[in-house]
Amino acid sequence: MVGHGEAVFMLNCPNGPPILRESYGFGRSDVARIQAILTDHLAALCAEWREIHGHY
């Protein structure tokens, strides 16, 4: 289970890869797992970002 913490990633849409900007309260393995999940869902996350914020 992921611990309590906060991690901020730059998604680098649309092609990635997500890059960690800062993290508090997570170990390296947790951050790696979060980054892998973001990578797996990058297309959907970027599409939602564009829907909310427009093109950037």
N, C-alpha and C. Protein backbone atom coordinates (compact mmCIF):
# COMPACT_ATOMS: atom_id res chain seq x y z
N MET A 1 0.84 -1.18 0.00
CA MET A 1 0.00 0.00 0.00
C MET A 1 0.89 1.24 0.00
N VAL A 2 0.48 2.22 -0.75
CA VAL A 2 1.22 3.46 -0.84
C VAL A 2 1.03 4.24 0.47
N GLY A 3 2.12 4.78 0.99
CA GLY A 3 2.04 5.56 2.22
C GLY A 3 1.38 6.90 2.01
N HIS A 4 1.24 7.62 3.06
CA HIS A 4 0.65 8.95 2.98
C HIS A 4 1.72 9.91 2.53
N GLY A 5 1.45 10.63 1.50
CA GLY A 5 2.44 11.56 0.98
C GLY A 5 1.86 12.35 -0.17
N GLU A 6 2.74 13.04 -0.83
CA GLU A 6 2.35 13.85 -1.97
C GLU A 6 3.47 13.78 -3.00
N ALA A 7 3.09 13.62 -4.25
CA ALA A 7 4.06 13.61 -5.33
C ALA A 7 3.50 14.45 -6.47
N VAL A 8 4.35 15.25 -7.06
CA VAL A 8 3.97 16.10 -8.19
C VAL A 8 4.79 15.66 -9.39
N PHE A 9 4.10 15.32 -10.46
CA PHE A 9 4.75 14.90 -11.69
C PHE A 9 4.42 15.87 -12.81
N MET A 10 5.38 16.12 -13.67
CA MET A 10 5.13 16.82 -14.93
C MET A 10 4.81 15.71 -15.93
N LEU A 11 3.63 15.78 -16.55
CA LEU A 11 3.21 14.71 -17.44
C LEU A 11 3.92 14.74 -18.79
N ASN A 12 4.36 15.92 -19.22
CA ASN A 12 5.00 16.07 -20.52
C ASN A 12 4.12 15.54 -21.65
N CYS A 13 2.87 15.99 -21.64
CA CYS A 13 1.90 15.58 -22.65
C CYS A 13 2.35 16.08 -24.02
N PRO A 14 2.04 15.37 -25.04
CA PRO A 14 1.25 14.14 -25.05
C PRO A 14 2.08 12.86 -25.03
N ASN A 15 3.39 12.96 -25.15
CA ASN A 15 4.20 11.75 -25.33
C ASN A 15 4.99 11.31 -24.11
N GLY A 16 4.94 12.10 -23.03
CA GLY A 16 5.65 11.73 -21.81
C GLY A 16 7.15 11.79 -22.00
N PRO A 17 7.87 11.21 -21.11
CA PRO A 17 7.42 10.45 -19.95
C PRO A 17 7.11 11.37 -18.78
N PRO A 18 6.25 10.93 -17.87
CA PRO A 18 6.03 11.70 -16.65
C PRO A 18 7.33 11.78 -15.85
N ILE A 19 7.65 12.97 -15.37
CA ILE A 19 8.88 13.19 -14.61
C ILE A 19 8.52 13.74 -13.23
N LEU A 20 9.09 13.15 -12.22
CA LEU A 20 8.85 13.59 -10.86
C LEU A 20 9.43 14.98 -10.65
N ARG A 21 8.60 15.89 -10.15
CA ARG A 21 9.06 17.23 -9.80
C ARG A 21 9.40 17.33 -8.33
N GLU A 22 8.54 16.75 -7.48
CA GLU A 22 8.81 16.74 -6.05
C GLU A 22 7.95 15.67 -5.38
N SER A 23 8.43 15.19 -4.25
CA SER A 23 7.73 14.15 -3.53
C SER A 23 8.02 14.28 -2.04
N TYR A 24 6.99 14.06 -1.23
CA TYR A 24 7.11 14.07 0.22
C TYR A 24 6.36 12.87 0.77
N GLY A 25 7.02 12.09 1.57
CA GLY A 25 6.35 10.99 2.26
C GLY A 25 6.27 9.69 1.50
N PHE A 26 6.84 9.61 0.31
CA PHE A 26 6.85 8.36 -0.46
C PHE A 26 8.27 7.85 -0.58
N GLY A 27 8.42 6.53 -0.52
CA GLY A 27 9.71 5.90 -0.78
C GLY A 27 9.94 5.78 -2.28
N ARG A 28 11.15 5.40 -2.64
CA ARG A 28 11.49 5.28 -4.08
C ARG A 28 10.60 4.28 -4.80
N SER A 29 10.32 3.15 -4.16
CA SER A 29 9.50 2.15 -4.84
C SER A 29 8.08 2.66 -5.05
N ASP A 30 7.55 3.43 -4.10
CA ASP A 30 6.23 4.01 -4.27
C ASP A 30 6.22 5.00 -5.43
N VAL A 31 7.23 5.86 -5.50
CA VAL A 31 7.31 6.85 -6.58
C VAL A 31 7.43 6.13 -7.92
N ALA A 32 8.22 5.08 -7.98
CA ALA A 32 8.37 4.33 -9.23
C ALA A 32 7.05 3.71 -9.65
N ARG A 33 6.30 3.19 -8.69
CA ARG A 33 5.00 2.59 -9.00
C ARG A 33 4.01 3.64 -9.49
N ILE A 34 4.00 4.80 -8.85
CA ILE A 34 3.12 5.90 -9.28
C ILE A 34 3.49 6.33 -10.69
N GLN A 35 4.79 6.47 -10.95
CA GLN A 35 5.24 6.90 -12.27
C GLN A 35 4.83 5.88 -13.34
N ALA A 36 4.94 4.59 -13.03
CA ALA A 36 4.53 3.55 -13.97
C ALA A 36 3.04 3.63 -14.27
N ILE A 37 2.24 3.86 -13.25
CA ILE A 37 0.79 3.99 -13.45
C ILE A 37 0.48 5.21 -14.31
N LEU A 38 1.14 6.33 -14.03
CA LEU A 38 0.94 7.53 -14.85
C LEU A 38 1.31 7.26 -16.30
N THR A 39 2.42 6.57 -16.51
CA THR A 39 2.85 6.25 -17.87
C THR A 39 1.81 5.39 -18.57
N ASP A 40 1.27 4.39 -17.87
CA ASP A 40 0.26 3.51 -18.46
C ASP A 40 -1.01 4.25 -18.85
N HIS A 41 -1.33 5.34 -18.15
CA HIS A 41 -2.57 6.07 -18.37
C HIS A 41 -2.33 7.46 -18.95
N LEU A 42 -1.15 7.68 -19.51
CA LEU A 42 -0.77 9.01 -19.97
C LEU A 42 -1.73 9.58 -21.02
N ALA A 43 -2.11 8.80 -22.00
CA ALA A 43 -3.00 9.30 -23.06
C ALA A 43 -4.32 9.81 -22.47
N ALA A 44 -4.92 9.05 -21.57
CA ALA A 44 -6.18 9.46 -20.97
C ALA A 44 -6.00 10.68 -20.07
N LEU A 45 -4.92 10.72 -19.30
CA LEU A 45 -4.66 11.88 -18.44
C LEU A 45 -4.45 13.14 -19.25
N CYS A 46 -3.71 13.04 -20.34
CA CYS A 46 -3.46 14.21 -21.19
C CYS A 46 -4.76 14.68 -21.87
N ALA A 47 -5.59 13.74 -22.28
CA ALA A 47 -6.87 14.10 -22.89
C ALA A 47 -7.76 14.83 -21.88
N GLU A 48 -7.80 14.35 -20.65
CA GLU A 48 -8.59 15.02 -19.62
C GLU A 48 -8.03 16.41 -19.30
N TRP A 49 -6.72 16.53 -19.25
CA TRP A 49 -6.08 17.83 -19.00
C TRP A 49 -6.49 18.83 -20.09
N ARG A 50 -6.43 18.39 -21.36
CA ARG A 50 -6.84 19.26 -22.47
C ARG A 50 -8.31 19.64 -22.37
N GLU A 51 -9.13 18.70 -21.96
CA GLU A 51 -10.57 18.97 -21.80
C GLU A 51 -10.82 20.05 -20.77
N ILE A 52 -10.08 20.01 -19.68
CA ILE A 52 -10.26 20.97 -18.60
C ILE A 52 -9.55 22.28 -18.88
N HIS A 53 -8.31 22.21 -19.36
CA HIS A 53 -7.46 23.39 -19.47
C HIS A 53 -7.24 23.89 -20.89
N GLY A 54 -7.64 23.14 -21.88
CA GLY A 54 -7.36 23.51 -23.26
C GLY A 54 -5.94 23.15 -23.64
N HIS A 55 -5.56 23.57 -24.83
CA HIS A 55 -4.19 23.29 -25.28
C HIS A 55 -3.22 24.22 -24.58
N TYR A 56 -2.07 23.77 -24.30
CA TYR A 56 -1.10 24.52 -23.52
C TYR A 56 0.21 24.62 -24.26
